[in-house]
Amino acid sequence: MSKKKNDNQVKKPTREFVFQKRNYQFMFIGLAFIALGFILMSGGGMDDTSVFNPQVYSFRRIRLAPTMVLIGLGFQVYAILLNPHKKK
């Protein structure tokens, strides 16, 4: 005769987050770089619109700040693609 399966012992699927602690750490590092880049980009407003302010084209606003934002975005991509379950 056939054996009867016990329906009471149905295994529940375990719920697991997609990202682990290491992913979130890299995400927060990336957010910090992006925020710092936007903070460095700010300022340089003109009180009088008829006078040119050369601070608009400073190294900090043209080179450094966008580079910081791109580095932050790179950290974000790395954090998303990072597989914390991978065995070394």
PDB file of N, CA and C in Angstrom:
ATOM      1  N   MET A   1       0.817  -1.158   0.000  1.00  0.00           N
ATOM      2  CA  MET A   1       0.000   0.000   0.000  1.00  0.00           C
ATOM      3  C   MET A   1       0.889   1.259   0.000  1.00  0.00           C
ATOM      4  N   SER A   2       0.304   2.341  -0.288  1.00  0.00           N
ATOM      5  CA  SER A   2       1.086   3.573  -0.357  1.00  0.00           C
ATOM      6  C   SER A   2       1.167   4.237   1.011  1.00  0.00           C
ATOM      7  N   LYS A   3       2.301   4.890   1.234  1.00  0.00           N
ATOM      8  CA  LYS A   3       2.490   5.610   2.497  1.00  0.00           C
ATOM      9  C   LYS A   3       1.894   7.002   2.353  1.00  0.00           C
ATOM     10  N   LYS A   4       1.288   7.438   3.392  1.00  0.00           N
ATOM     11  CA  LYS A   4       0.633   8.730   3.392  1.00  0.00           C
ATOM     12  C   LYS A   4       1.638   9.803   3.838  1.00  0.00           C
ATOM     13  N   LYS A   5       1.743  10.908   3.094  1.00  0.00           N
ATOM     14  CA  LYS A   5       2.625  12.012   3.476  1.00  0.00           C
ATOM     15  C   LYS A   5       1.979  12.812   4.582  1.00  0.00           C
ATOM     16  N   ASN A   6       2.780  13.269   5.468  1.00  0.00           N
ATOM     17  CA  ASN A   6       2.287  14.094   6.558  1.00  0.00           C
ATOM     18  C   ASN A   6       2.187  15.531   6.056  1.00  0.00           C
ATOM     19  N   ASP A   7       0.964  16.027   5.891  1.00  0.00           N
ATOM     20  CA  ASP A   7       0.737  17.372   5.358  1.00  0.00           C
ATOM     21  C   ASP A   7       1.067  18.455   6.373  1.00  0.00           C
ATOM     22  N   ASN A   8       1.173  18.103   7.619  1.00  0.00           N
ATOM     23  CA  ASN A   8       1.468  19.094   8.648  1.00  0.00           C
ATOM     24  C   ASN A   8       2.929  19.536   8.618  1.00  0.00           C
ATOM     25  N   GLN A   9       3.782  18.778   7.999  1.00  0.00           N
ATOM     26  CA  GLN A   9       5.205  19.094   7.987  1.00  0.00           C
ATOM     27  C   GLN A   9       5.632  19.710   6.653  1.00  0.00           C
ATOM     28  N   VAL A  10       4.869  20.655   6.185  1.00  0.00           N
ATOM     29  CA  VAL A  10       5.210  21.356   4.954  1.00  0.00           C
ATOM     30  C   VAL A  10       6.301  22.371   5.284  1.00  0.00           C
ATOM     31  N   LYS A  11       7.386  22.331   4.541  1.00  0.00           N
ATOM     32  CA  LYS A  11       8.488  23.252   4.783  1.00  0.00           C
ATOM     33  C   LYS A  11       8.138  24.638   4.272  1.00  0.00           C
ATOM     34  N   LYS A  12       8.335  25.614   5.124  1.00  0.00           N
ATOM     35  CA  LYS A  12       8.112  26.993   4.725  1.00  0.00           C
ATOM     36  C   LYS A  12       9.389  27.524   4.101  1.00  0.00           C
ATOM     37  N   PRO A  13       9.249  28.281   3.011  1.00  0.00           N
ATOM     38  CA  PRO A  13      10.462  28.848   2.413  1.00  0.00           C
ATOM     39  C   PRO A  13      11.061  29.908   3.345  1.00  0.00           C
ATOM     40  N   THR A  14      12.370  29.894   3.457  1.00  0.00           N
ATOM     41  CA  THR A  14      13.019  30.885   4.315  1.00  0.00           C
ATOM     42  C   THR A  14      13.105  32.203   3.570  1.00  0.00           C
ATOM     43  N   ARG A  15      12.804  33.247   4.277  1.00  0.00           N
ATOM     44  CA  ARG A  15      12.884  34.575   3.682  1.00  0.00           C
ATOM     45  C   ARG A  15      14.261  35.138   3.961  1.00  0.00           C
ATOM     46  N   GLU A  16      14.855  35.651   2.917  1.00  0.00           N
ATOM     47  CA  GLU A  16      16.193  36.184   3.040  1.00  0.00           C
ATOM     48  C   GLU A  16      16.270  37.481   2.258  1.00  0.00           C
ATOM     49  N   PHE A  17      16.969  38.456   2.818  1.00  0.00           N
ATOM     50  CA  PHE A  17      17.145  39.719   2.128  1.00  0.00           C
ATOM     51  C   PHE A  17      18.055  39.527   0.917  1.00  0.00           C
ATOM     52  N   VAL A  18      17.826  40.339  -0.095  1.00  0.00           N
ATOM     53  CA  VAL A  18      18.661  40.275  -1.287  1.00  0.00           C
ATOM     54  C   VAL A  18      20.051  40.812  -0.960  1.00  0.00           C
ATOM     55  N   PHE A  19      20.099  41.913  -0.214  1.00  0.00           N
ATOM     56  CA  PHE A  19      21.373  42.524   0.151  1.00  0.00           C
ATOM     57  C   PHE A  19      21.721  42.176   1.586  1.00  0.00           C
ATOM     58  N   GLN A  20      23.005  42.061   1.828  1.00  0.00           N
ATOM     59  CA  GLN A  20      23.510  41.784   3.164  1.00  0.00           C
ATOM     60  C   GLN A  20      24.182  43.038   3.714  1.00  0.00           C
ATOM     61  N   LYS A  21      24.767  42.909   4.888  1.00  0.00           N
ATOM     62  CA  LYS A  21      25.372  44.044   5.575  1.00  0.00           C
ATOM     63  C   LYS A  21      26.461  44.701   4.723  1.00  0.00           C
ATOM     64  N   ARG A  22      27.268  43.894   4.071  1.00  0.00           N
ATOM     65  CA  ARG A  22      28.371  44.420   3.257  1.00  0.00           C
ATOM     66  C   ARG A  22      27.846  45.268   2.088  1.00  0.00           C
ATOM     67  N   ASN A  23      26.741  44.845   1.473  1.00  0.00           N
ATOM     68  CA  ASN A  23      26.143  45.622   0.387  1.00  0.00           C
ATOM     69  C   ASN A  23      25.701  46.998   0.889  1.00  0.00           C
ATOM     70  N   TYR A  24      25.045  47.012   2.046  1.00  0.00           N
ATOM     71  CA  TYR A  24      24.565  48.275   2.590  1.00  0.00           C
ATOM     72  C   TYR A  24      25.718  49.183   3.002  1.00  0.00           C
ATOM     73  N   GLN A  25      26.807  48.633   3.468  1.00  0.00           N
ATOM     74  CA  GLN A  25      27.965  49.453   3.814  1.00  0.00           C
ATOM     75  C   GLN A  25      28.495  50.173   2.577  1.00  0.00           C
ATOM     76  N   PHE A  26      28.625  49.442   1.467  1.00  0.00           N
ATOM     77  CA  PHE A  26      29.092  50.085   0.242  1.00  0.00           C
ATOM     78  C   PHE A  26      28.070  51.091  -0.287  1.00  0.00           C
ATOM     79  N   MET A  27      26.793  50.824  -0.097  1.00  0.00           N
ATOM     80  CA  MET A  27      25.771  51.790  -0.526  1.00  0.00           C
ATOM     81  C   MET A  27      25.880  53.091   0.257  1.00  0.00           C
ATOM     82  N   PHE A  28      26.090  52.991   1.571  1.00  0.00           N
ATOM     83  CA  PHE A  28      26.215  54.203   2.378  1.00  0.00           C
ATOM     84  C   PHE A  28      27.499  54.958   2.058  1.00  0.00           C
ATOM     85  N   ILE A  29      28.576  54.250   1.754  1.00  0.00           N
ATOM     86  CA  ILE A  29      29.806  54.921   1.326  1.00  0.00           C
ATOM     87  C   ILE A  29      29.553  55.675   0.022  1.00  0.00           C
ATOM     88  N   GLY A  30      28.859  55.042  -0.909  1.00  0.00           N
ATOM     89  CA  GLY A  30      28.527  55.690  -2.175  1.00  0.00           C
ATOM     90  C   GLY A  30      27.647  56.917  -1.981  1.00  0.00           C
ATOM     91  N   LEU A  31      26.663  56.808  -1.095  1.00  0.00           N
ATOM     92  CA  LEU A  31      25.802  57.961  -0.813  1.00  0.00           C
ATOM     93  C   LEU A  31      26.596  59.104  -0.202  1.00  0.00           C
ATOM     94  N   ALA A  32      27.567  58.779   0.655  1.00  0.00           N
ATOM     95  CA  ALA A  32      28.395  59.823   1.261  1.00  0.00           C
ATOM     96  C   ALA A  32      29.224  60.540   0.194  1.00  0.00           C
ATOM     97  N   PHE A  33      29.794  59.789  -0.754  1.00  0.00           N
ATOM     98  CA  PHE A  33      30.559  60.414  -1.836  1.00  0.00           C
ATOM     99  C   PHE A  33      29.663  61.294  -2.703  1.00  0.00           C
ATOM    100  N   ILE A  34      28.470  60.826  -3.011  1.00  0.00           N
ATOM    101  CA  ILE A  34      27.551  61.611  -3.841  1.00  0.00           C
ATOM    102  C   ILE A  34      27.138  62.890  -3.116  1.00  0.00           C
ATOM    103  N   ALA A  35      26.804  62.773  -1.833  1.00  0.00           N
ATOM    104  CA  ALA A  35      26.412  63.957  -1.058  1.00  0.00           C
ATOM    105  C   ALA A  35      27.567  64.944  -0.969  1.00  0.00           C
ATOM    106  N   LEU A  36      28.779  64.449  -0.714  1.00  0.00           N
ATOM    107  CA  LEU A  36      29.945  65.333  -0.649  1.00  0.00           C
ATOM    108  C   LEU A  36      30.179  66.029  -1.983  1.00  0.00           C
ATOM    109  N   GLY A  37      29.990  65.310  -3.081  1.00  0.00           N
ATOM    110  CA  GLY A  37      30.148  65.916  -4.398  1.00  0.00           C
ATOM    111  C   GLY A  37      29.158  67.043  -4.643  1.00  0.00           C
ATOM    112  N   PHE A  38      27.914  66.843  -4.241  1.00  0.00           N
ATOM    113  CA  PHE A  38      26.924  67.907  -4.428  1.00  0.00           C
ATOM    114  C   PHE A  38      27.167  69.079  -3.486  1.00  0.00           C
ATOM    115  N   ILE A  39      27.674  68.804  -2.297  1.00  0.00           N
ATOM    116  CA  ILE A  39      28.012  69.897  -1.383  1.00  0.00           C
ATOM    117  C   ILE A  39      29.166  70.720  -1.952  1.00  0.00           C
ATOM    118  N   LEU A  40      30.168  70.049  -2.509  1.00  0.00           N
ATOM    119  CA  LEU A  40      31.286  70.775  -3.119  1.00  0.00           C
ATOM    120  C   LEU A  40      30.861  71.563  -4.347  1.00  0.00           C
ATOM    121  N   MET A  41      29.821  71.101  -5.033  1.00  0.00           N
ATOM    122  CA  MET A  41      29.339  71.786  -6.223  1.00  0.00           C
ATOM    123  C   MET A  41      28.535  73.042  -5.891  1.00  0.00           C
ATOM    124  N   SER A  42      28.005  73.118  -4.702  1.00  0.00           N
ATOM    125  CA  SER A  42      27.112  74.220  -4.346  1.00  0.00           C
ATOM    126  C   SER A  42      27.891  75.510  -4.091  1.00  0.00           C
ATOM    127  N   GLY A  43      27.154  76.589  -4.000  1.00  0.00           N
ATOM    128  CA  GLY A  43      27.746  77.890  -3.708  1.00  0.00           C
ATOM    129  C   GLY A  43      28.134  78.619  -4.968  1.00  0.00           C
ATOM    130  N   GLY A  44      28.826  79.724  -4.782  1.00  0.00           N
ATOM    131  CA  GLY A  44      29.296  80.500  -5.927  1.00  0.00           C
ATOM    132  C   GLY A  44      28.216  81.344  -6.559  1.00  0.00           C
ATOM    133  N   GLY A  45      27.161  81.613  -5.801  1.00  0.00           N
ATOM    134  CA  GLY A  45      26.102  82.448  -6.346  1.00  0.00           C
ATOM    135  C   GLY A  45      26.555  83.890  -6.498  1.00  0.00           C
ATOM    136  N   MET A  46      25.888  84.622  -7.350  1.00  0.00           N
ATOM    137  CA  MET A  46      26.253  86.014  -7.608  1.00  0.00           C
ATOM    138  C   MET A  46      25.215  86.934  -6.990  1.00  0.00           C
ATOM    139  N   ASP A  47      25.716  87.928  -6.272  1.00  0.00           N
ATOM    140  CA  ASP A  47      24.806  88.916  -5.697  1.00  0.00           C
ATOM    141  C   ASP A  47      24.334  89.895  -6.770  1.00  0.00           C
ATOM    142  N   ASP A  48      25.242  90.287  -7.622  1.00  0.00           N
ATOM    143  CA  ASP A  48      24.923  91.221  -8.698  1.00  0.00           C
ATOM    144  C   ASP A  48      25.060  90.478 -10.022  1.00  0.00           C
ATOM    145  N   THR A  49      23.996  90.399 -10.788  1.00  0.00           N
ATOM    146  CA  THR A  49      24.022  89.631 -12.035  1.00  0.00           C
ATOM    147  C   THR A  49      24.820  90.321 -13.144  1.00  0.00           C
ATOM    148  N   SER A  50      25.147  91.581 -12.978  1.00  0.00           N
ATOM    149  CA  SER A  50      25.910  92.277 -14.014  1.00  0.00           C
ATOM    150  C   SER A  50      27.413  92.081 -13.845  1.00  0.00           C
ATOM    151  N   VAL A  51      27.834  91.465 -12.730  1.00  0.00           N
ATOM    152  CA  VAL A  51      29.262  91.250 -12.475  1.00  0.00           C
ATOM    153  C   VAL A  51      29.548  89.756 -12.580  1.00  0.00           C
ATOM    154  N   PHE A  52      30.599  89.419 -13.344  1.00  0.00           N
ATOM    155  CA  PHE A  52      30.976  88.015 -13.520  1.00  0.00           C
ATOM    156  C   PHE A  52      31.778  87.534 -12.314  1.00  0.00           C
ATOM    157  N   ASN A  53      31.444  86.338 -11.824  1.00  0.00           N
ATOM    158  CA  ASN A  53      32.157  85.745 -10.702  1.00  0.00           C
ATOM    159  C   ASN A  53      32.955  84.544 -11.221  1.00  0.00           C
ATOM    160  N   PRO A  54      34.285  84.627 -11.238  1.00  0.00           N
ATOM    161  CA  PRO A  54      35.086  83.515 -11.775  1.00  0.00           C
ATOM    162  C   PRO A  54      35.086  82.270 -10.882  1.00  0.00           C
ATOM    163  N   GLN A  55      34.564  82.343  -9.687  1.00  0.00           N
ATOM    164  CA  GLN A  55      34.500  81.187  -8.790  1.00  0.00           C
ATOM    165  C   GLN A  55      33.585  80.091  -9.332  1.00  0.00           C
ATOM    166  N   VAL A  56      32.738  80.423 -10.281  1.00  0.00           N
ATOM    167  CA  VAL A  56      31.851  79.437 -10.881  1.00  0.00           C
ATOM    168  C   VAL A  56      32.669  78.365 -11.599  1.00  0.00           C
ATOM    169  N   TYR A  57      33.806  78.740 -12.141  1.00  0.00           N
ATOM    170  CA  TYR A  57      34.643  77.816 -12.904  1.00  0.00           C
ATOM    171  C   TYR A  57      35.872  77.351 -12.118  1.00  0.00           C
ATOM    172  N   SER A  58      35.777  77.256 -10.819  1.00  0.00           N
ATOM    173  CA  SER A  58      36.916  76.820 -10.019  1.00  0.00           C
ATOM    174  C   SER A  58      37.127  75.302 -10.165  1.00  0.00           C
ATOM    175  N   PHE A  59      38.319  74.847  -9.801  1.00  0.00           N
ATOM    176  CA  PHE A  59      38.667  73.427  -9.876  1.00  0.00           C
ATOM    177  C   PHE A  59      37.701  72.577  -9.053  1.00  0.00           C
ATOM    178  N   ARG A  60      37.324  73.102  -7.911  1.00  0.00           N
ATOM    179  CA  ARG A  60      36.440  72.348  -7.007  1.00  0.00           C
ATOM    180  C   ARG A  60      35.089  72.064  -7.651  1.00  0.00           C
ATOM    181  N   ARG A  61      34.538  73.029  -8.364  1.00  0.00           N
ATOM    182  CA  ARG A  61      33.200  72.855  -8.943  1.00  0.00           C
ATOM    183  C   ARG A  61      33.213  72.168 -10.310  1.00  0.00           C
ATOM    184  N   ILE A  62      34.289  72.288 -11.033  1.00  0.00           N
ATOM    185  CA  ILE A  62      34.331  71.744 -12.393  1.00  0.00           C
ATOM    186  C   ILE A  62      34.936  70.348 -12.435  1.00  0.00           C
ATOM    187  N   ARG A  63      35.929  70.069 -11.633  1.00  0.00           N
ATOM    188  CA  ARG A  63      36.624  68.779 -11.681  1.00  0.00           C
ATOM    189  C   ARG A  63      36.366  67.898 -10.463  1.00  0.00           C
ATOM    190  N   LEU A  64      36.574  68.443  -9.280  1.00  0.00           N
ATOM    191  CA  LEU A  64      36.524  67.643  -8.061  1.00  0.00           C
ATOM    192  C   LEU A  64      35.118  67.140  -7.729  1.00  0.00           C
ATOM    193  N   ALA A  65      34.141  68.025  -7.729  1.00  0.00           N
ATOM    194  CA  ALA A  65      32.778  67.639  -7.339  1.00  0.00           C
ATOM    195  C   ALA A  65      32.165  66.601  -8.291  1.00  0.00           C
ATOM    196  N   PRO A  66      32.215  66.788  -9.605  1.00  0.00           N
ATOM    197  CA  PRO A  66      31.667  65.738 -10.479  1.00  0.00           C
ATOM    198  C   PRO A  66      32.408  64.407 -10.359  1.00  0.00           C
ATOM    199  N   THR A  67      33.716  64.467 -10.103  1.00  0.00           N
ATOM    200  CA  THR A  67      34.477  63.231  -9.908  1.00  0.00           C
ATOM    201  C   THR A  67      33.995  62.503  -8.657  1.00  0.00           C
ATOM    202  N   MET A  68      33.727  63.246  -7.588  1.00  0.00           N
ATOM    203  CA  MET A  68      33.218  62.638  -6.353  1.00  0.00           C
ATOM    204  C   MET A  68      31.852  61.983  -6.594  1.00  0.00           C
ATOM    205  N   VAL A  69      31.008  62.635  -7.362  1.00  0.00           N
ATOM    206  CA  VAL A  69      29.687  62.066  -7.666  1.00  0.00           C
ATOM    207  C   VAL A  69      29.832  60.781  -8.485  1.00  0.00           C
ATOM    208  N   LEU A  70      30.721  60.785  -9.464  1.00  0.00           N
ATOM    209  CA  LEU A  70      30.929  59.578 -10.278  1.00  0.00           C
ATOM    210  C   LEU A  70      31.533  58.436  -9.461  1.00  0.00           C
ATOM    211  N   ILE A  71      32.443  58.751  -8.547  1.00  0.00           N
ATOM    212  CA  ILE A  71      32.990  57.718  -7.668  1.00  0.00           C
ATOM    213  C   ILE A  71      31.885  57.135  -6.798  1.00  0.00           C
ATOM    214  N   GLY A  72      31.010  58.001  -6.292  1.00  0.00           N
ATOM    215  CA  GLY A  72      29.878  57.539  -5.496  1.00  0.00           C
ATOM    216  C   GLY A  72      28.944  56.634  -6.286  1.00  0.00           C
ATOM    217  N   LEU A  73      28.690  56.983  -7.537  1.00  0.00           N
ATOM    218  CA  LEU A  73      27.853  56.139  -8.380  1.00  0.00           C
ATOM    219  C   LEU A  73      28.534  54.798  -8.655  1.00  0.00           C
ATOM    220  N   GLY A  74      29.854  54.822  -8.792  1.00  0.00           N
ATOM    221  CA  GLY A  74      30.596  53.579  -8.956  1.00  0.00           C
ATOM    222  C   GLY A  74      30.452  52.675  -7.738  1.00  0.00           C
ATOM    223  N   PHE A  75      30.513  53.265  -6.537  1.00  0.00           N
ATOM    224  CA  PHE A  75      30.294  52.496  -5.316  1.00  0.00           C
ATOM    225  C   PHE A  75      28.883  51.909  -5.284  1.00  0.00           C
ATOM    226  N   GLN A  76      27.911  52.649  -5.757  1.00  0.00           N
ATOM    227  CA  GLN A  76      26.530  52.164  -5.762  1.00  0.00           C
ATOM    228  C   GLN A  76      26.388  50.956  -6.691  1.00  0.00           C
ATOM    229  N   VAL A  77      26.982  51.038  -7.863  1.00  0.00           N
ATOM    230  CA  VAL A  77      26.914  49.907  -8.809  1.00  0.00           C
ATOM    231  C   VAL A  77      27.615  48.693  -8.218  1.00  0.00           C
ATOM    232  N   TYR A  78      28.779  48.910  -7.604  1.00  0.00           N
ATOM    233  CA  TYR A  78      29.509  47.806  -6.987  1.00  0.00           C
ATOM    234  C   TYR A  78      28.699  47.181  -5.855  1.00  0.00           C
ATOM    235  N   ALA A  79      28.028  48.016  -5.069  1.00  0.00           N
ATOM    236  CA  ALA A  79      27.224  47.494  -3.957  1.00  0.00           C
ATOM    237  C   ALA A  79      26.059  46.652  -4.459  1.00  0.00           C
ATOM    238  N   ILE A  80      25.493  47.015  -5.576  1.00  0.00           N
ATOM    239  CA  ILE A  80      24.377  46.250  -6.124  1.00  0.00           C
ATOM    240  C   ILE A  80      24.867  44.930  -6.707  1.00  0.00           C
ATOM    241  N   LEU A  81      26.013  44.955  -7.359  1.00  0.00           N
ATOM    242  CA  LEU A  81      26.521  43.749  -8.009  1.00  0.00           C
ATOM    243  C   LEU A  81      27.283  42.820  -7.068  1.00  0.00           C
ATOM    244  N   LEU A  82      27.640  43.295  -5.878  1.00  0.00           N
ATOM    245  CA  LEU A  82      28.395  42.496  -4.928  1.00  0.00           C
ATOM    246  C   LEU A  82      27.578  41.308  -4.438  1.00  0.00           C
ATOM    247  N   ASN A  83      28.169  40.133  -4.492  1.00  0.00           N
ATOM    248  CA  ASN A  83      27.495  38.923  -4.021  1.00  0.00           C
ATOM    249  C   ASN A  83      28.125  38.497  -2.701  1.00  0.00           C
ATOM    250  N   PRO A  84      27.462  38.758  -1.566  1.00  0.00           N
ATOM    251  CA  PRO A  84      28.073  38.438  -0.281  1.00  0.00           C
ATOM    252  C   PRO A  84      28.066  36.943   0.018  1.00  0.00           C
ATOM    253  N   HIS A  85      27.301  36.161  -0.728  1.00  0.00           N
ATOM    254  CA  HIS A  85      27.213  34.724  -0.490  1.00  0.00           C
ATOM    255  C   HIS A  85      28.305  33.938  -1.210  1.00  0.00           C
ATOM    256  N   LYS A  86      29.076  34.635  -2.031  1.00  0.00           N
ATOM    257  CA  LYS A  86      30.101  33.975  -2.825  1.00  0.00           C
ATOM    258  C   LYS A  86      31.209  33.454  -1.898  1.00  0.00           C
ATOM    259  N   LYS A  87      31.574  32.218  -2.099  1.00  0.00           N
ATOM    260  CA  LYS A  87      32.645  31.609  -1.307  1.00  0.00           C
ATOM    261  C   LYS A  87      33.983  32.041  -1.884  1.00  0.00           C
ATOM    262  N   LYS A  88      34.922  32.348  -1.005  1.00  0.00           N
ATOM    263  CA  LYS A  88      36.254  32.773  -1.463  1.00  0.00           C
ATOM    264  C   LYS A  88      37.151  31.581  -1.640  1.00  0.00           C
TER     265      LYS A  88
END
